[in-house]
Amino acid sequence: MRHALLTEIEKAKENMVQVAKEEGIASKSTFQVSQSIDQLLNELHKVTSTKH
């Protein structure tokens, strides 16, 4: 689960960079991708904190 989340986070980061290059860093699309990354990071935090 942790590895899958890390992979998904990396893909989302790459996507965010691409969207920001195309539409601008302050675009609604960039913001939406950023929010999805935040959600993934929150999930990762839950997964890693429950194992300790």
Protein backbone atom coordinates (compact mmCIF):
# COMPACT_ATOMS: atom_id res chain seq x y z
CA MET A 1 0.00 0.00 0.00
CA ARG A 2 2.75 2.46 0.95
CA HIS A 3 4.71 1.77 -2.23
CA ALA A 4 1.59 2.21 -4.39
CA LEU A 5 0.83 5.54 -2.73
CA LEU A 6 4.39 6.75 -3.24
CA THR A 7 4.21 5.83 -6.92
CA GLU A 8 0.87 7.58 -7.30
CA ILE A 9 2.22 10.68 -5.55
CA GLU A 10 5.21 10.84 -7.90
CA LYS A 11 2.97 10.53 -10.96
CA ALA A 12 0.69 13.25 -9.63
CA LYS A 13 3.68 15.53 -9.00
CA GLU A 14 4.87 15.05 -12.57
CA ASN A 15 1.35 15.79 -13.78
CA MET A 16 1.18 18.94 -11.68
CA VAL A 17 4.45 20.22 -13.15
CA GLN A 18 3.15 19.59 -16.67
CA VAL A 19 -0.18 21.28 -15.98
CA ALA A 20 1.59 24.25 -14.38
CA LYS A 21 3.84 24.63 -17.43
CA GLU A 22 0.85 24.55 -19.76
CA GLU A 23 -1.72 26.54 -17.79
CA GLY A 24 0.29 28.48 -15.22
CA ILE A 25 1.10 27.81 -11.61
CA ALA A 26 -1.98 29.67 -10.35
CA SER A 27 -4.47 27.93 -12.66
CA LYS A 28 -7.50 26.10 -11.35
CA SER A 29 -6.24 22.83 -12.87
CA THR A 30 -2.87 23.13 -11.14
CA PHE A 31 -4.65 23.82 -7.85
CA GLN A 32 -6.88 20.76 -8.31
CA VAL A 33 -3.88 18.50 -8.97
CA SER A 34 -2.18 19.98 -5.92
CA GLN A 35 -5.23 19.16 -3.80
CA SER A 36 -5.20 15.56 -5.03
CA ILE A 37 -1.53 15.32 -4.05
CA ASP A 38 -2.43 16.63 -0.59
CA GLN A 39 -5.07 13.92 -0.26
CA LEU A 40 -2.56 11.25 -1.30
CA LEU A 41 -0.03 12.59 1.19
CA ASN A 42 -2.67 12.46 3.93
CA GLU A 43 -3.42 8.84 3.03
CA LEU A 44 0.29 8.04 3.09
CA HIS A 45 0.60 9.65 6.51
CA LYS A 46 -2.29 7.53 7.83
CA VAL A 47 -0.76 4.35 6.42
CA THR A 48 2.70 5.04 7.81
CA SER A 49 1.53 6.29 11.21
CA THR A 50 -0.71 3.31 11.88
CA LYS A 51 2.14 0.84 11.37
CA HIS A 52 4.24 2.30 14.20
